[in-house]
Amino acid sequence: MATLLDKLEEIENKYEELTRKLSDPEVFSDYTISQKYSKEQAELEDMVAKIRQYKKVMTGISDAQEILQAGGDDGLKELAEVEIEELKEKKHSIEGELKLMLVPRDPRDEKNILLEIRAGTGGDEAGLFAADLFRMYSKYAEGRRWKVEVLNMSSTGVGGIKEVIALIQGKGAYSRLKYESGTHRVQRVPATETSGRIHTSAATVAVLPEAEEVDLKIEEKDLRVDTYCASGPGGQGVNTTYSAVRIVHVPTGLIVQCQDSRSQIKNREKALKVLRSRLYELELENQEKARAQERKSQVGSGDRSERIRTYNFPQNRVTDHRINLTLHKLQFVLEGELDELIDSLTTHYQAEKLKEV
């Protein structure tokens, strides 16, 4: 416990030092420095308030224990015992909150995301499942008032999706959906199956934090850009103008393409968004390779083959295999009611990080 107390003392001392600096006229007159210190102080405010609440509880326990040790009035001793029990429960609760606050925040949590869904094994049924997943995440985003913009989509002839890449913009989008990366499996009887046999199909989901220009600069000399006629629906204009864009990042060999808009300029901008985010993820993965233990706690950091969740229609069941959680409410999950799954995953991985703290 001494380690936690030392850490809390260090944080409170830092907060008080920042308060002193901000009251210094020289610091106050320098906008850049005062803004820097103000931001640092604001980030510590909630933690310091909780630390002071914790100290108050500890003092209360100490005072009540002194009353017990002093002996005297039985009624007073009984009240002190009750107070100690209540304060110990409160102390335990606050310790849990403080430990969570000490878990380092993922700097990407507030970012928008690029959601990539691809049909896996299972033929047409896999494409239909990919479409179901995209609808599910779109409904979840809609419920949180996030904006969903399709950057590129390749459809199948039966209403399914071979691949879709969408930008989801909203506060905390990455923090809520970062654990969705991986292979999703479905078990159901396809509409075309006359014998009633259950088929198993799969689709992969990748959730990438949107990389901005400040995160990653792409050199123009490293790009090979091709334009071509867009395919698929969209009318005569789409199919006869060179609006579709394919970009190859020569150093890594990464290829992205976009044909969603009739404007070549807009398609180029969207393709660069996707490329920037993929390069950002690749850079983060390279950094994480040096931290094997940390990598174990990262879900969807690059391994697309791991089966993370099964959607079983005959049993109305959704099972997340990483945390052994089963919900018998498949129809609600597919309508975008994902919070129970997401909250459980977040709690699990926070607990894993707490062990490191």
Protein backbone atom coordinates (compact mmCIF):
# COMPACT_ATOMS: atom_id res chain seq x y z
CA MET A 1 0.00 0.00 0.00
CA ALA A 2 2.99 2.27 0.65
CA THR A 3 3.72 2.31 -3.11
CA LEU A 4 0.25 3.61 -3.91
CA LEU A 5 0.45 6.24 -1.16
CA ASP A 6 3.86 7.40 -2.43
CA LYS A 7 2.48 7.74 -5.95
CA LEU A 8 -0.56 9.70 -4.72
CA GLU A 9 1.69 12.01 -2.68
CA GLU A 10 3.84 12.62 -5.76
CA ILE A 11 0.78 13.56 -7.84
CA GLU A 12 -0.57 15.94 -5.21
CA ASN A 13 2.84 17.61 -4.84
CA LYS A 14 3.02 18.08 -8.61
CA TYR A 15 -0.46 19.67 -8.61
CA GLU A 16 0.51 22.08 -5.82
CA GLU A 17 3.75 22.97 -7.61
CA LEU A 18 1.75 23.80 -10.76
CA THR A 19 -0.58 25.98 -8.68
CA ARG A 20 2.44 27.90 -7.35
CA LYS A 21 3.87 28.34 -10.84
CA LEU A 22 0.57 29.65 -12.19
CA SER A 23 0.47 32.30 -9.46
CA ASP A 24 3.92 33.55 -10.51
CA PRO A 25 3.51 36.87 -12.45
CA GLU A 26 6.29 35.91 -14.90
CA VAL A 27 4.55 32.65 -15.80
CA PHE A 28 1.15 34.34 -15.95
CA SER A 29 2.44 36.92 -18.44
CA ASP A 30 3.75 34.22 -20.80
CA TYR A 31 0.67 32.83 -22.58
CA THR A 32 2.37 29.71 -23.99
CA ILE A 33 3.86 28.59 -20.67
CA SER A 34 0.75 29.44 -18.62
CA GLN A 35 -1.41 27.48 -21.07
CA LYS A 36 0.93 24.49 -20.77
CA TYR A 37 0.81 24.56 -16.96
CA SER A 38 -2.95 25.14 -16.92
CA LYS A 39 -3.51 22.11 -19.12
CA GLU A 40 -1.28 19.93 -16.92
CA GLN A 41 -3.10 21.13 -13.80
CA ALA A 42 -6.54 20.51 -15.34
CA GLU A 43 -5.53 16.93 -16.19
CA LEU A 44 -4.69 16.31 -12.52
CA GLU A 45 -7.74 18.01 -10.93
CA ASP A 46 -10.04 14.99 -10.70
CA MET A 47 -7.24 12.79 -9.40
CA VAL A 48 -6.21 15.31 -6.73
CA ALA A 49 -9.83 15.76 -5.59
CA LYS A 50 -10.06 11.97 -5.18
CA ILE A 51 -6.71 11.86 -3.33
CA ARG A 52 -7.92 14.49 -0.86
CA GLN A 53 -11.16 12.58 -0.36
CA TYR A 54 -9.06 9.46 0.31
CA LYS A 55 -6.90 11.30 2.87
CA LYS A 56 -10.02 12.59 4.63
CA VAL A 57 -11.34 9.04 4.96
CA MET A 58 -7.97 7.82 6.28
CA THR A 59 -7.99 10.61 8.89
CA GLY A 60 -11.55 9.65 9.89
CA ILE A 61 -10.49 6.02 10.43
CA SER A 62 -7.49 7.12 12.50
CA ASP A 63 -9.64 9.42 14.70
CA ALA A 64 -12.25 6.69 15.30
CA GLN A 65 -9.51 4.17 16.22
CA GLU A 66 -8.14 6.63 18.79
CA ILE A 67 -11.58 6.79 20.44
CA LEU A 68 -11.64 2.98 20.65
CA GLN A 69 -8.16 2.80 22.16
CA ALA A 70 -8.98 5.49 24.72
CA GLY A 71 -11.74 3.32 26.22
CA GLY A 72 -14.48 5.12 28.18
CA ASP A 73 -18.17 5.36 27.20
CA ASP A 74 -19.52 2.12 25.63
CA GLY A 75 -22.01 4.01 23.48
CA LEU A 76 -19.24 6.18 22.02
CA LYS A 77 -17.09 3.11 21.34
CA GLU A 78 -19.98 1.42 19.53
CA LEU A 79 -20.44 4.50 17.32
CA ALA A 80 -16.70 4.53 16.59
CA GLU A 81 -16.78 0.84 15.54
CA VAL A 82 -19.69 1.47 13.16
CA GLU A 83 -17.92 4.51 11.71
CA ILE A 84 -14.70 2.54 11.18
CA GLU A 85 -16.55 -0.18 9.24
CA GLU A 86 -18.30 2.39 7.03
CA LEU A 87 -15.10 4.33 6.41
CA LYS A 88 -13.14 1.15 5.57
CA GLU A 89 -15.70 0.28 2.89
CA LYS A 90 -15.42 3.80 1.50
CA LYS A 91 -11.60 3.57 1.61
CA HIS A 92 -11.66 0.33 -0.38
CA SER A 93 -13.98 1.87 -2.99
CA ILE A 94 -11.84 5.01 -3.39
CA GLU A 95 -8.66 2.91 -3.69
CA GLY A 96 -10.23 1.09 -6.63
CA GLU A 97 -11.11 4.40 -8.31
CA LEU A 98 -7.63 5.79 -7.72
CA LYS A 99 -5.97 2.71 -9.20
CA LEU A 100 -8.10 3.06 -12.33
CA MET A 101 -7.10 6.72 -12.57
CA LEU A 102 -3.46 5.65 -12.40
CA VAL A 103 -3.85 3.40 -15.47
CA PRO A 104 -2.16 5.31 -18.32
CA ARG A 105 -4.73 6.66 -20.79
CA ASP A 106 -4.46 5.56 -24.38
CA PRO A 107 -3.69 8.84 -26.23
CA ARG A 108 -5.73 7.55 -29.18
CA ASP A 109 -8.95 7.08 -27.19
CA GLU A 110 -10.58 10.34 -28.30
CA LYS A 111 -9.77 9.84 -31.97
CA ASN A 112 -12.20 9.15 -34.80
CA ILE A 113 -11.83 5.71 -36.38
CA LEU A 114 -11.58 3.97 -39.70
CA LEU A 115 -13.76 0.87 -39.60
CA GLU A 116 -12.82 -1.82 -42.10
CA ILE A 117 -15.03 -4.90 -42.55
CA ARG A 118 -14.23 -7.69 -45.01
CA ALA A 119 -16.08 -10.88 -45.86
CA GLY A 120 -14.06 -13.97 -44.91
CA THR A 121 -14.69 -17.66 -45.49
CA GLY A 122 -18.24 -18.66 -46.35
CA GLY A 123 -18.97 -17.33 -49.85
CA ASP A 124 -22.14 -15.26 -50.29
CA GLU A 125 -23.16 -15.90 -46.69
CA ALA A 126 -19.92 -14.27 -45.47
CA GLY A 127 -20.74 -11.20 -47.55
CA LEU A 128 -24.23 -11.01 -46.04
CA PHE A 129 -22.72 -11.32 -42.55
CA ALA A 130 -20.24 -8.52 -43.33
CA ALA A 131 -23.24 -6.36 -44.29
CA ASP A 132 -24.95 -7.28 -40.99
CA LEU A 133 -21.86 -6.24 -39.04
CA PHE A 134 -21.61 -2.91 -40.87
CA ARG A 135 -25.28 -2.24 -40.15
CA MET A 136 -24.73 -3.17 -36.47
CA TYR A 137 -21.84 -0.71 -36.04
CA SER A 138 -23.70 1.97 -38.01
CA LYS A 139 -26.70 1.62 -35.67
CA TYR A 140 -24.39 1.82 -32.64
CA ALA A 141 -22.80 4.98 -34.04
CA GLU A 142 -26.22 6.44 -34.78
CA GLY A 143 -27.28 5.83 -31.16
CA ARG A 144 -24.26 7.81 -29.95
CA ARG A 145 -24.82 10.56 -32.55
CA TRP A 146 -21.58 9.82 -34.36
CA LYS A 147 -21.20 10.52 -38.07
CA VAL A 148 -20.58 7.57 -40.42
CA GLU A 149 -19.05 8.27 -43.84
CA VAL A 150 -18.43 5.41 -46.30
CA LEU A 151 -15.04 5.86 -47.96
CA ASN A 152 -15.07 2.74 -50.09
CA MET A 153 -17.46 -0.19 -50.53
CA SER A 154 -17.40 -3.29 -52.69
CA SER A 155 -20.73 -5.15 -52.80
CA THR A 156 -21.75 -8.68 -53.75
CA GLY A 157 -24.58 -9.48 -56.10
CA VAL A 158 -26.86 -10.79 -53.35
CA GLY A 159 -26.94 -7.76 -51.07
CA GLY A 160 -23.76 -8.54 -49.18
CA ILE A 161 -20.46 -6.70 -48.82
CA LYS A 162 -17.03 -7.89 -49.92
CA GLU A 163 -15.36 -4.95 -48.21
CA VAL A 164 -16.35 -1.64 -46.67
CA ILE A 165 -14.18 1.12 -45.23
CA ALA A 166 -15.96 3.86 -43.28
CA LEU A 167 -14.86 6.87 -41.27
CA ILE A 168 -16.72 7.13 -37.93
CA GLN A 169 -16.44 10.57 -36.34
CA GLY A 170 -17.46 11.10 -32.73
CA LYS A 171 -16.11 11.74 -29.24
CA GLY A 172 -14.42 8.63 -27.86
CA ALA A 173 -15.11 6.50 -30.95
CA TYR A 174 -11.77 4.68 -30.69
CA SER A 175 -12.07 4.11 -26.93
CA ARG A 176 -15.46 2.42 -27.42
CA LEU A 177 -14.71 0.31 -30.50
CA LYS A 178 -10.98 -0.51 -30.25
CA TYR A 179 -11.67 -4.01 -28.91
CA GLU A 180 -13.82 -4.98 -31.93
CA SER A 181 -10.86 -5.83 -34.17
CA GLY A 182 -10.57 -9.49 -35.09
CA THR A 183 -12.48 -12.31 -36.73
CA HIS A 184 -16.24 -12.44 -36.12
CA ARG A 185 -18.00 -15.76 -36.79
CA VAL A 186 -21.66 -16.40 -37.58
CA GLN A 187 -23.61 -19.66 -37.30
CA ARG A 188 -27.01 -19.72 -39.01
CA VAL A 189 -29.14 -21.33 -41.73
CA PRO A 190 -28.70 -19.30 -44.93
CA ALA A 191 -31.86 -18.21 -46.77
CA THR A 192 -30.72 -20.26 -49.78
CA GLU A 193 -30.26 -23.47 -47.74
CA THR A 194 -33.18 -25.81 -48.43
CA SER A 195 -32.10 -28.63 -46.11
CA GLY A 196 -31.97 -26.44 -43.01
CA ARG A 197 -28.27 -27.03 -42.33
CA ILE A 198 -26.41 -24.51 -40.18
CA HIS A 199 -23.51 -22.84 -41.97
CA THR A 200 -20.52 -21.17 -40.35
CA SER A 201 -19.11 -18.04 -42.01
CA ALA A 202 -16.75 -15.29 -40.96
CA ALA A 203 -15.88 -11.66 -41.50
CA THR A 204 -12.92 -9.62 -40.26
CA VAL A 205 -13.21 -6.27 -38.51
CA ALA A 206 -10.37 -3.77 -38.17
CA VAL A 207 -10.64 -0.59 -36.10
CA LEU A 208 -7.91 1.96 -36.79
CA PRO A 209 -7.54 5.34 -35.06
CA GLU A 210 -7.78 8.09 -37.66
CA ALA A 211 -4.30 9.52 -38.18
CA GLU A 212 -4.09 13.24 -38.77
CA GLU A 213 -1.31 15.07 -40.55
CA VAL A 214 0.24 16.00 -37.20
CA ASP A 215 0.48 12.28 -36.34
CA LEU A 216 2.13 11.17 -39.55
CA LYS A 217 3.54 13.05 -42.55
CA ILE A 218 3.44 11.28 -45.91
CA GLU A 219 6.02 12.33 -48.49
CA GLU A 220 4.61 12.87 -51.99
CA LYS A 221 7.71 11.23 -53.50
CA ASP A 222 6.76 7.97 -51.71
CA LEU A 223 3.40 7.73 -53.48
CA ARG A 224 2.39 6.23 -56.81
CA VAL A 225 -1.09 7.44 -57.77
CA ASP A 226 -3.18 5.77 -60.49
CA THR A 227 -6.62 6.85 -61.73
CA TYR A 228 -9.16 4.65 -63.45
CA CYS A 229 -12.85 4.45 -64.34
CA ALA A 230 -15.02 3.58 -61.37
CA SER A 231 -17.04 0.37 -61.58
CA GLY A 232 -20.46 -0.47 -60.24
CA PRO A 233 -23.61 1.64 -59.90
CA GLY A 234 -23.48 5.40 -60.24
CA GLY A 235 -24.57 6.23 -63.74
CA GLN A 236 -22.80 7.19 -66.91
CA GLY A 237 -20.62 9.84 -65.26
CA VAL A 238 -19.04 7.39 -62.83
CA ASN A 239 -18.20 4.77 -65.43
CA THR A 240 -16.71 7.07 -68.09
CA THR A 241 -14.55 9.47 -66.06
CA TYR A 242 -11.25 8.65 -64.36
CA SER A 243 -12.55 9.48 -60.89
CA ALA A 244 -11.42 6.35 -59.03
CA VAL A 245 -8.03 6.60 -57.31
CA ARG A 246 -5.50 3.94 -56.33
CA ILE A 247 -2.51 4.97 -54.19
CA VAL A 248 0.54 2.80 -53.59
CA HIS A 249 2.87 3.72 -50.71
CA VAL A 250 6.13 2.58 -52.27
CA PRO A 251 8.27 2.12 -49.08
CA THR A 252 5.75 -0.24 -47.44
CA GLY A 253 3.86 -1.59 -50.46
CA LEU A 254 0.52 -0.60 -48.89
CA ILE A 255 -2.25 -0.07 -51.47
CA VAL A 256 -5.49 1.86 -50.94
CA GLN A 257 -8.19 2.77 -53.40
CA CYS A 258 -11.35 4.85 -53.38
CA GLN A 259 -14.12 5.27 -55.95
CA ASP A 260 -16.98 6.38 -53.73
CA SER A 261 -17.19 9.94 -55.10
CA ARG A 262 -17.48 11.25 -58.67
CA SER A 263 -14.70 13.69 -57.82
CA GLN A 264 -11.14 12.45 -58.32
CA ILE A 265 -9.90 15.06 -55.80
CA LYS A 266 -12.33 13.85 -53.11
CA ASN A 267 -11.45 10.21 -53.78
CA ARG A 268 -7.75 11.07 -53.45
CA GLU A 269 -8.39 12.82 -50.10
CA LYS A 270 -10.35 9.83 -48.79
CA ALA A 271 -7.71 7.35 -49.98
CA LEU A 272 -5.01 9.38 -48.22
CA LYS A 273 -7.05 9.29 -44.98
CA VAL A 274 -7.10 5.51 -45.15
CA LEU A 275 -3.40 5.27 -46.07
CA ARG A 276 -2.37 7.63 -43.27
CA SER A 277 -4.30 5.61 -40.68
CA ARG A 278 -2.89 2.29 -41.90
CA LEU A 279 0.66 3.66 -41.76
CA TYR A 280 -0.03 5.06 -38.29
CA GLU A 281 -1.22 1.65 -37.11
CA LEU A 282 1.81 -0.02 -38.72
CA GLU A 283 4.15 2.37 -36.90
CA LEU A 284 2.41 1.68 -33.59
CA GLU A 285 2.62 -2.08 -34.15
CA ASN A 286 6.37 -1.81 -34.78
CA GLN A 287 6.74 0.06 -31.50
CA GLU A 288 4.65 -2.52 -29.67
CA LYS A 289 6.74 -5.46 -30.88
CA ALA A 290 9.41 -4.38 -28.42
CA ARG A 291 6.90 -4.64 -25.58
CA ALA A 292 5.78 -8.28 -25.63
CA GLN A 293 3.87 -8.16 -22.35
CA GLU A 294 1.98 -5.04 -23.36
CA ARG A 295 1.10 -6.60 -26.71
CA LYS A 296 -0.70 -9.47 -24.96
CA SER A 297 -3.19 -7.00 -23.52
CA GLN A 298 -3.78 -5.27 -26.86
CA VAL A 299 -6.79 -6.61 -28.75
CA GLY A 300 -6.92 -6.22 -32.50
CA SER A 301 -3.45 -4.70 -32.75
CA GLY A 302 -2.85 -6.48 -36.06
CA ASP A 303 -3.88 -10.12 -35.68
CA ARG A 304 -6.99 -10.39 -37.85
CA SER A 305 -7.14 -14.20 -37.76
CA GLU A 306 -8.08 -14.60 -34.10
CA ARG A 307 -11.73 -15.57 -33.60
CA ILE A 308 -13.02 -13.12 -31.04
CA ARG A 309 -16.80 -13.47 -31.18
CA THR A 310 -19.52 -15.88 -32.38
CA TYR A 311 -23.05 -14.89 -33.38
CA ASN A 312 -25.25 -18.01 -33.14
CA PHE A 313 -28.73 -17.48 -34.64
CA PRO A 314 -30.42 -20.81 -33.68
CA GLN A 315 -29.59 -20.18 -29.99
CA ASN A 316 -30.10 -16.38 -30.13
CA ARG A 317 -26.60 -16.19 -28.65
CA VAL A 318 -23.56 -13.92 -28.84
CA THR A 319 -20.34 -15.18 -27.23
CA ASP A 320 -17.17 -13.15 -26.81
CA HIS A 321 -14.42 -15.76 -26.52
CA ARG A 322 -11.81 -13.42 -25.00
CA ILE A 323 -13.76 -12.92 -21.78
CA ASN A 324 -16.09 -15.97 -21.94
CA LEU A 325 -19.18 -13.73 -21.97
CA THR A 326 -22.41 -15.07 -23.48
CA LEU A 327 -25.54 -12.99 -24.04
CA HIS A 328 -28.81 -14.50 -25.24
CA LYS A 329 -29.94 -11.34 -26.98
CA LEU A 330 -28.56 -11.63 -30.50
CA GLN A 331 -31.34 -9.61 -32.12
CA PHE A 332 -30.65 -6.62 -29.87
CA VAL A 333 -26.88 -6.80 -30.42
CA LEU A 334 -27.35 -6.77 -34.20
CA GLU A 335 -29.53 -3.66 -33.76
CA GLY A 336 -26.51 -1.88 -32.34
CA GLU A 337 -27.00 -2.51 -28.61
CA LEU A 338 -23.32 -3.20 -27.96
CA ASP A 339 -22.72 -1.39 -24.68
CA GLU A 340 -22.94 -4.49 -22.46
CA LEU A 341 -20.28 -6.25 -24.55
CA ILE A 342 -18.08 -3.17 -24.84
CA ASP A 343 -18.33 -2.30 -21.13
CA SER A 344 -17.40 -5.87 -20.15
CA LEU A 345 -14.38 -5.86 -22.47
CA THR A 346 -13.24 -2.46 -21.22
CA THR A 347 -13.50 -3.58 -17.58
CA HIS A 348 -11.54 -6.76 -18.35
CA TYR A 349 -8.66 -5.00 -20.09
CA GLN A 350 -8.53 -2.23 -17.50
CA ALA A 351 -8.15 -4.94 -14.85
CA GLU A 352 -5.26 -6.43 -16.85
CA LYS A 353 -3.53 -3.05 -16.96
CA LEU A 354 -4.20 -2.54 -13.24
CA LYS A 355 -2.02 -5.57 -12.51
CA GLU A 356 0.87 -3.70 -14.12
CA VAL A 357 0.14 -0.59 -12.05
